[in-house]
């Protein structure tokens, strides 16, 4: 079995600055990353730590053709779950043998240029994989 750990839940937002307010002001979460542009996905992202090592990722499209734009249009805000794994490519290959369908593998600026991947589960849920240990919380507050 592969070593998978929950890393984050992805939440589509029209504006990171607006989307942060309930997490910071109402829920009191203070460990918040800087805003990072992930060019290959046409998005800006920001991570809010909700428990040690577990995050909410706020994902804002920076263009109309960003994949996340469709989720916003459908009002589907929580749209993916991400697991960290020591070897993204090997985990993708393993999951493909279990009925998952690979959508993309890309190097992500949010994970210091290491591989990430998106897959669809057999039930069509969107799953992301990120490289274990590659993410660092860049700062606190905004």
N, C-alpha and C. Protein backbone atom coordinates (compact mmCIF):
# COMPACT_ATOMS: atom_id res chain seq x y z
N UNK A 1 0.84 -1.19 0.00
CA UNK A 1 0.00 0.00 0.00
C UNK A 1 0.88 1.25 0.00
N UNK A 2 0.44 2.26 -0.67
CA UNK A 2 1.20 3.50 -0.75
C UNK A 2 0.93 4.37 0.47
N UNK A 3 1.93 5.16 0.85
CA UNK A 3 1.82 6.05 2.00
C UNK A 3 1.14 7.34 1.55
N UNK A 4 -0.16 7.44 1.78
CA UNK A 4 -0.93 8.63 1.44
C UNK A 4 -1.39 9.32 2.70
N UNK A 5 -1.24 10.63 2.75
CA UNK A 5 -1.68 11.43 3.90
C UNK A 5 -2.52 12.58 3.40
N UNK A 6 -3.62 12.86 4.08
CA UNK A 6 -4.44 14.00 3.73
C UNK A 6 -3.59 15.26 3.83
N UNK A 7 -3.55 16.03 2.77
CA UNK A 7 -2.84 17.31 2.80
C UNK A 7 -3.79 18.49 2.79
N UNK A 8 -4.75 18.49 1.85
CA UNK A 8 -5.69 19.61 1.81
C UNK A 8 -6.96 19.27 1.06
N UNK A 9 -7.96 20.12 1.28
CA UNK A 9 -9.20 20.11 0.51
C UNK A 9 -9.18 21.38 -0.32
N UNK A 10 -9.45 21.25 -1.61
CA UNK A 10 -9.45 22.40 -2.51
C UNK A 10 -10.80 23.07 -2.56
N UNK A 11 -10.80 24.38 -2.45
CA UNK A 11 -12.02 25.18 -2.46
C UNK A 11 -11.89 26.29 -3.50
N UNK A 12 -12.76 26.28 -4.49
CA UNK A 12 -12.76 27.31 -5.52
C UNK A 12 -13.32 28.60 -4.95
N UNK A 13 -12.63 29.70 -5.20
CA UNK A 13 -13.08 31.01 -4.76
C UNK A 13 -12.91 32.02 -5.89
N UNK A 14 -13.78 33.00 -5.95
CA UNK A 14 -13.65 34.06 -6.95
C UNK A 14 -12.51 35.01 -6.58
N UNK A 15 -12.24 35.15 -5.28
CA UNK A 15 -11.19 36.04 -4.78
C UNK A 15 -10.58 35.43 -3.52
N UNK A 16 -9.29 35.23 -3.52
CA UNK A 16 -8.63 34.70 -2.33
C UNK A 16 -8.80 35.65 -1.15
N UNK A 17 -8.63 36.93 -1.41
CA UNK A 17 -8.73 37.90 -0.33
C UNK A 17 -10.10 37.83 0.36
N UNK A 18 -11.17 37.73 -0.41
CA UNK A 18 -12.51 37.61 0.15
C UNK A 18 -12.71 36.23 0.77
N UNK A 19 -12.22 35.19 0.11
CA UNK A 19 -12.39 33.83 0.59
C UNK A 19 -11.68 33.56 1.90
N UNK A 20 -10.62 34.28 2.19
CA UNK A 20 -9.87 34.10 3.44
C UNK A 20 -10.62 34.58 4.67
N UNK A 21 -11.47 35.57 4.49
CA UNK A 21 -12.10 36.23 5.65
C UNK A 21 -12.79 35.27 6.61
N UNK A 22 -13.65 34.35 6.16
CA UNK A 22 -14.30 33.49 7.16
C UNK A 22 -13.33 32.56 7.88
N UNK A 23 -12.29 32.11 7.20
CA UNK A 23 -11.33 31.21 7.85
C UNK A 23 -10.49 31.95 8.88
N UNK A 24 -10.10 33.17 8.54
CA UNK A 24 -9.25 33.95 9.43
C UNK A 24 -10.09 34.66 10.50
N UNK A 25 -11.13 35.38 10.10
CA UNK A 25 -11.86 36.24 11.02
C UNK A 25 -12.89 35.49 11.86
N UNK A 26 -13.65 34.58 11.26
CA UNK A 26 -14.71 33.88 12.00
C UNK A 26 -14.19 32.61 12.67
N UNK A 27 -13.40 31.83 11.94
CA UNK A 27 -12.93 30.55 12.49
C UNK A 27 -11.61 30.68 13.25
N UNK A 28 -10.92 31.78 13.07
CA UNK A 28 -9.72 32.05 13.86
C UNK A 28 -8.44 31.36 13.40
N UNK A 29 -8.41 30.84 12.18
CA UNK A 29 -7.17 30.22 11.70
C UNK A 29 -6.18 31.31 11.33
N UNK A 30 -4.96 31.20 11.86
CA UNK A 30 -3.98 32.26 11.65
C UNK A 30 -2.77 31.82 10.82
N UNK A 31 -2.59 30.53 10.67
CA UNK A 31 -1.45 30.06 9.87
C UNK A 31 -1.88 29.99 8.40
N UNK A 32 -1.49 31.02 7.66
CA UNK A 32 -1.94 31.21 6.29
C UNK A 32 -0.72 31.43 5.41
N UNK A 33 -0.67 30.73 4.29
CA UNK A 33 0.46 30.89 3.38
C UNK A 33 0.36 32.20 2.61
N UNK A 34 1.44 32.53 1.95
CA UNK A 34 1.41 33.61 0.97
C UNK A 34 0.56 33.12 -0.21
N UNK A 35 0.15 34.04 -1.05
CA UNK A 35 -0.57 33.67 -2.28
C UNK A 35 0.47 33.27 -3.32
N UNK A 36 0.24 32.11 -3.93
CA UNK A 36 1.18 31.53 -4.89
C UNK A 36 0.48 31.38 -6.23
N UNK A 37 1.13 31.79 -7.30
CA UNK A 37 0.58 31.57 -8.64
C UNK A 37 1.07 30.23 -9.16
N UNK A 38 0.13 29.40 -9.60
CA UNK A 38 0.46 28.12 -10.23
C UNK A 38 0.12 28.29 -11.71
N UNK A 39 1.14 28.66 -12.48
CA UNK A 39 0.96 29.06 -13.87
C UNK A 39 0.35 27.96 -14.73
N UNK A 40 0.75 26.72 -14.54
CA UNK A 40 0.26 25.64 -15.39
C UNK A 40 -1.24 25.39 -15.21
N UNK A 41 -1.79 25.81 -14.07
CA UNK A 41 -3.21 25.62 -13.80
C UNK A 41 -4.02 26.93 -13.96
N UNK A 42 -3.31 28.03 -14.27
CA UNK A 42 -3.95 29.35 -14.41
C UNK A 42 -4.71 29.76 -13.14
N UNK A 43 -4.07 29.56 -11.98
CA UNK A 43 -4.71 29.88 -10.71
C UNK A 43 -3.72 30.55 -9.76
N UNK A 44 -4.29 31.20 -8.76
CA UNK A 44 -3.56 31.64 -7.57
C UNK A 44 -4.10 30.79 -6.43
N UNK A 45 -3.23 30.38 -5.52
CA UNK A 45 -3.66 29.56 -4.40
C UNK A 45 -3.12 30.11 -3.09
N UNK A 46 -3.83 29.76 -2.03
CA UNK A 46 -3.43 30.14 -0.69
C UNK A 46 -3.87 29.00 0.23
N UNK A 47 -3.02 28.65 1.19
CA UNK A 47 -3.30 27.54 2.09
C UNK A 47 -3.57 28.06 3.50
N UNK A 48 -4.62 27.53 4.11
CA UNK A 48 -4.99 27.87 5.49
C UNK A 48 -4.86 26.58 6.29
N UNK A 49 -3.98 26.60 7.31
CA UNK A 49 -3.80 25.40 8.12
C UNK A 49 -4.96 25.28 9.10
N UNK A 50 -5.70 24.17 9.01
CA UNK A 50 -6.88 23.96 9.85
C UNK A 50 -6.62 22.96 10.98
N UNK A 51 -5.54 22.21 10.86
CA UNK A 51 -5.06 21.27 11.87
C UNK A 51 -3.59 21.05 11.52
N UNK A 52 -2.78 20.55 12.43
CA UNK A 52 -1.37 20.39 12.10
C UNK A 52 -1.16 19.58 10.81
N UNK A 53 -0.59 20.24 9.80
CA UNK A 53 -0.29 19.57 8.54
C UNK A 53 -1.47 19.36 7.61
N UNK A 54 -2.65 19.87 7.95
CA UNK A 54 -3.85 19.71 7.12
C UNK A 54 -4.36 21.11 6.76
N UNK A 55 -4.66 21.30 5.47
CA UNK A 55 -4.96 22.64 4.98
C UNK A 55 -6.25 22.69 4.19
N UNK A 56 -6.77 23.91 4.09
CA UNK A 56 -7.80 24.27 3.12
C UNK A 56 -7.04 25.05 2.06
N UNK A 57 -7.17 24.66 0.80
CA UNK A 57 -6.52 25.39 -0.28
C UNK A 57 -7.58 26.23 -0.98
N UNK A 58 -7.41 27.54 -0.94
CA UNK A 58 -8.29 28.44 -1.66
C UNK A 58 -7.71 28.62 -3.06
N UNK A 59 -8.52 28.38 -4.09
CA UNK A 59 -8.04 28.37 -5.46
C UNK A 59 -8.84 29.39 -6.27
N UNK A 60 -8.14 30.39 -6.76
CA UNK A 60 -8.75 31.47 -7.53
C UNK A 60 -8.29 31.41 -8.98
N UNK A 61 -9.20 31.37 -9.94
CA UNK A 61 -8.77 31.37 -11.35
C UNK A 61 -8.19 32.73 -11.73
N UNK A 62 -7.16 32.70 -12.59
CA UNK A 62 -6.60 33.96 -13.08
C UNK A 62 -6.93 34.16 -14.56
N UNK A 63 -7.71 33.23 -15.11
CA UNK A 63 -8.20 33.39 -16.48
C UNK A 63 -9.49 32.58 -16.63
N UNK A 64 -10.26 32.92 -17.61
CA UNK A 64 -11.54 32.22 -17.85
C UNK A 64 -11.34 30.76 -18.22
N UNK A 65 -10.18 30.42 -18.82
CA UNK A 65 -9.95 29.04 -19.23
C UNK A 65 -9.28 28.20 -18.15
N UNK A 66 -9.14 28.75 -16.94
CA UNK A 66 -8.61 27.97 -15.83
C UNK A 66 -9.58 26.84 -15.51
N UNK A 67 -9.07 25.62 -15.30
CA UNK A 67 -9.97 24.51 -15.00
C UNK A 67 -10.93 24.77 -13.84
N UNK A 68 -10.51 25.54 -12.85
CA UNK A 68 -11.35 25.79 -11.67
C UNK A 68 -12.52 26.73 -11.98
N UNK A 69 -12.45 27.47 -13.07
CA UNK A 69 -13.55 28.40 -13.41
C UNK A 69 -14.88 27.68 -13.55
N UNK A 70 -14.86 26.49 -14.12
CA UNK A 70 -16.10 25.72 -14.28
C UNK A 70 -16.75 25.37 -12.95
N UNK A 71 -15.94 25.07 -11.94
CA UNK A 71 -16.49 24.76 -10.62
C UNK A 71 -17.19 25.99 -10.03
N UNK A 72 -16.59 27.14 -10.20
CA UNK A 72 -17.22 28.37 -9.69
C UNK A 72 -18.55 28.64 -10.39
N UNK A 73 -18.57 28.45 -11.70
CA UNK A 73 -19.80 28.69 -12.46
C UNK A 73 -20.92 27.76 -12.00
N UNK A 74 -20.57 26.53 -11.60
CA UNK A 74 -21.56 25.56 -11.13
C UNK A 74 -21.82 25.68 -9.63
N UNK A 75 -21.16 26.65 -8.99
CA UNK A 75 -21.27 26.83 -7.54
C UNK A 75 -20.85 25.58 -6.77
N UNK A 76 -19.84 24.93 -7.28
CA UNK A 76 -19.27 23.74 -6.64
C UNK A 76 -17.94 24.18 -6.03
N UNK A 77 -17.99 24.61 -4.79
CA UNK A 77 -16.83 25.26 -4.19
C UNK A 77 -15.79 24.27 -3.66
N UNK A 78 -16.20 23.29 -2.89
CA UNK A 78 -15.26 22.26 -2.42
C UNK A 78 -15.19 21.22 -3.53
N UNK A 79 -14.04 21.10 -4.20
CA UNK A 79 -14.04 20.29 -5.40
C UNK A 79 -12.95 19.23 -5.50
N UNK A 80 -11.94 19.27 -4.64
CA UNK A 80 -10.97 18.18 -4.69
C UNK A 80 -10.36 17.94 -3.31
N UNK A 81 -9.83 16.73 -3.16
CA UNK A 81 -9.08 16.37 -1.97
C UNK A 81 -7.67 16.00 -2.43
N UNK A 82 -6.67 16.42 -1.66
CA UNK A 82 -5.28 16.16 -2.03
C UNK A 82 -4.60 15.32 -0.95
N UNK A 83 -3.86 14.34 -1.41
CA UNK A 83 -3.06 13.48 -0.54
C UNK A 83 -1.59 13.66 -0.89
N UNK A 84 -0.75 13.71 0.12
CA UNK A 84 0.69 13.75 -0.13
C UNK A 84 1.21 12.32 -0.20
N UNK A 85 2.23 12.15 -1.02
CA UNK A 85 2.84 10.84 -1.22
C UNK A 85 4.32 11.05 -1.53
N UNK A 86 5.19 10.14 -1.11
CA UNK A 86 6.61 10.31 -1.40
C UNK A 86 6.94 10.27 -2.89
N UNK A 87 6.16 9.56 -3.70
CA UNK A 87 6.44 9.42 -5.12
C UNK A 87 5.15 9.56 -5.92
N UNK A 88 4.92 10.75 -6.43
CA UNK A 88 3.67 11.04 -7.14
C UNK A 88 3.51 10.14 -8.36
N UNK A 89 4.54 10.00 -9.18
CA UNK A 89 4.43 9.23 -10.42
C UNK A 89 4.12 7.76 -10.13
N UNK A 90 4.82 7.16 -9.17
CA UNK A 90 4.56 5.75 -8.83
C UNK A 90 3.16 5.57 -8.27
N UNK A 91 2.70 6.55 -7.47
CA UNK A 91 1.35 6.46 -6.90
C UNK A 91 0.30 6.59 -8.00
N UNK A 92 0.52 7.48 -8.96
CA UNK A 92 -0.40 7.60 -10.09
C UNK A 92 -0.49 6.27 -10.84
N UNK A 93 0.66 5.69 -11.13
CA UNK A 93 0.68 4.41 -11.85
C UNK A 93 -0.07 3.33 -11.08
N UNK A 94 0.12 3.28 -9.77
CA UNK A 94 -0.59 2.31 -8.93
C UNK A 94 -2.10 2.55 -8.97
N UNK A 95 -2.50 3.81 -8.81
CA UNK A 95 -3.94 4.12 -8.77
C UNK A 95 -4.60 3.85 -10.13
N UNK A 96 -3.86 4.00 -11.20
CA UNK A 96 -4.42 3.68 -12.52
C UNK A 96 -4.78 2.20 -12.62
N UNK A 97 -4.03 1.35 -11.95
CA UNK A 97 -4.36 -0.09 -11.95
C UNK A 97 -5.60 -0.38 -11.12
N UNK A 98 -6.01 0.59 -10.30
CA UNK A 98 -7.18 0.44 -9.43
C UNK A 98 -8.40 1.19 -9.97
N UNK A 99 -8.34 1.64 -11.21
CA UNK A 99 -9.49 2.28 -11.83
C UNK A 99 -9.50 3.79 -11.83
N UNK A 100 -8.46 4.42 -11.29
CA UNK A 100 -8.36 5.88 -11.35
C UNK A 100 -7.90 6.29 -12.74
N UNK A 101 -8.34 7.47 -13.18
CA UNK A 101 -7.94 7.96 -14.50
C UNK A 101 -7.07 9.20 -14.33
N UNK A 102 -5.87 9.16 -14.89
CA UNK A 102 -4.94 10.28 -14.82
C UNK A 102 -5.46 11.43 -15.68
N UNK A 103 -5.48 12.63 -15.10
CA UNK A 103 -5.83 13.82 -15.85
C UNK A 103 -4.59 14.63 -16.23
N UNK A 104 -3.70 14.83 -15.25
CA UNK A 104 -2.47 15.59 -15.53
C UNK A 104 -1.44 15.35 -14.45
N UNK A 105 -0.20 15.47 -14.85
CA UNK A 105 0.93 15.53 -13.91
C UNK A 105 1.67 16.81 -14.25
N UNK A 106 1.98 17.60 -13.23
CA UNK A 106 2.62 18.89 -13.46
C UNK A 106 3.52 19.24 -12.28
N UNK A 107 4.49 20.10 -12.51
CA UNK A 107 5.33 20.60 -11.43
C UNK A 107 4.65 21.85 -10.88
N UNK A 108 4.45 21.89 -9.58
CA UNK A 108 3.68 22.97 -8.96
C UNK A 108 4.54 23.93 -8.17
N UNK A 109 4.34 25.21 -8.43
CA UNK A 109 5.01 26.26 -7.67
C UNK A 109 4.60 26.22 -6.20
N UNK A 110 3.40 25.73 -5.91
CA UNK A 110 2.93 25.66 -4.52
C UNK A 110 3.67 24.58 -3.72
N UNK A 111 4.32 23.67 -4.43
CA UNK A 111 5.06 22.58 -3.79
C UNK A 111 6.52 22.61 -4.23
N UNK A 112 7.06 23.83 -4.29
CA UNK A 112 8.48 24.05 -4.59
C UNK A 112 8.93 23.37 -5.88
N UNK A 113 8.06 23.37 -6.90
CA UNK A 113 8.42 22.84 -8.21
C UNK A 113 8.42 21.33 -8.32
N UNK A 114 7.87 20.64 -7.33
CA UNK A 114 7.85 19.18 -7.36
C UNK A 114 6.56 18.69 -8.03
N UNK A 115 6.52 17.41 -8.43
CA UNK A 115 5.35 16.89 -9.13
C UNK A 115 4.08 16.85 -8.28
N UNK A 116 2.98 17.17 -8.95
CA UNK A 116 1.63 16.99 -8.45
C UNK A 116 0.85 16.33 -9.57
N UNK A 117 -0.30 15.77 -9.26
CA UNK A 117 -1.13 15.13 -10.28
C UNK A 117 -2.59 15.27 -9.91
N UNK A 118 -3.42 15.31 -10.95
CA UNK A 118 -4.86 15.23 -10.76
C UNK A 118 -5.35 13.94 -11.41
N UNK A 119 -6.27 13.26 -10.69
CA UNK A 119 -6.87 12.03 -11.18
C UNK A 119 -8.36 12.06 -10.89
N UNK A 120 -9.10 11.24 -11.61
CA UNK A 120 -10.51 11.00 -11.30
C UNK A 120 -10.62 9.62 -10.68
N UNK A 121 -11.32 9.54 -9.56
CA UNK A 121 -11.55 8.23 -8.93
C UNK A 121 -12.56 7.46 -9.78
N UNK A 122 -12.72 6.17 -9.54
CA UNK A 122 -13.74 5.41 -10.27
C UNK A 122 -15.14 6.02 -10.13
N UNK A 123 -15.40 6.75 -9.02
CA UNK A 123 -16.70 7.39 -8.80
C UNK A 123 -16.72 8.82 -9.33
N UNK A 124 -15.66 9.21 -10.04
CA UNK A 124 -15.52 10.53 -10.67
C UNK A 124 -15.28 11.67 -9.69
N UNK A 125 -14.71 11.37 -8.54
CA UNK A 125 -14.28 12.40 -7.60
C UNK A 125 -12.88 12.86 -8.02
N UNK A 126 -12.63 14.16 -7.90
CA UNK A 126 -11.34 14.71 -8.28
C UNK A 126 -10.36 14.56 -7.11
N UNK A 127 -9.23 13.91 -7.40
CA UNK A 127 -8.19 13.66 -6.39
C UNK A 127 -6.88 14.26 -6.89
N UNK A 128 -6.21 14.95 -5.99
CA UNK A 128 -4.88 15.48 -6.31
C UNK A 128 -3.86 14.74 -5.47
N UNK A 129 -2.68 14.58 -6.02
CA UNK A 129 -1.53 14.05 -5.29
C UNK A 129 -0.46 15.13 -5.29
N UNK A 130 0.21 15.30 -4.15
CA UNK A 130 1.34 16.22 -4.07
C UNK A 130 2.52 15.48 -3.46
N UNK A 131 3.69 16.02 -3.66
CA UNK A 131 4.91 15.40 -3.17
C UNK A 131 5.05 15.64 -1.67
N UNK A 132 5.15 14.57 -0.91
CA UNK A 132 5.29 14.66 0.56
C UNK A 132 6.53 15.46 0.92
N UNK A 133 6.38 16.34 1.89
CA UNK A 133 7.50 17.11 2.40
C UNK A 133 7.89 18.31 1.55
N UNK A 134 7.25 18.51 0.41
CA UNK A 134 7.64 19.60 -0.49
C UNK A 134 6.98 20.93 -0.13
N UNK A 135 5.89 20.88 0.63
CA UNK A 135 5.16 22.11 0.96
C UNK A 135 5.69 22.70 2.26
N UNK A 136 5.87 24.00 2.25
CA UNK A 136 6.21 24.72 3.49
C UNK A 136 5.25 25.88 3.63
N UNK A 137 4.77 26.10 4.82
CA UNK A 137 3.90 27.24 5.09
C UNK A 137 4.79 28.47 5.02
N UNK A 138 4.53 29.35 4.05
CA UNK A 138 5.45 30.44 3.76
C UNK A 138 5.37 31.60 4.73
N UNK A 139 4.25 31.78 5.35
CA UNK A 139 4.13 32.91 6.27
C UNK A 139 2.87 32.81 7.07
N UNK A 140 2.70 33.68 8.02
CA UNK A 140 1.48 33.70 8.82
C UNK A 140 0.77 35.01 8.58
N UNK A 141 -0.55 34.93 8.51
CA UNK A 141 -1.36 36.13 8.29
C UNK A 141 -1.23 36.64 6.88
N UNK A 142 -2.07 37.58 6.54
CA UNK A 142 -1.99 38.22 5.22
C UNK A 142 -2.22 39.70 5.37
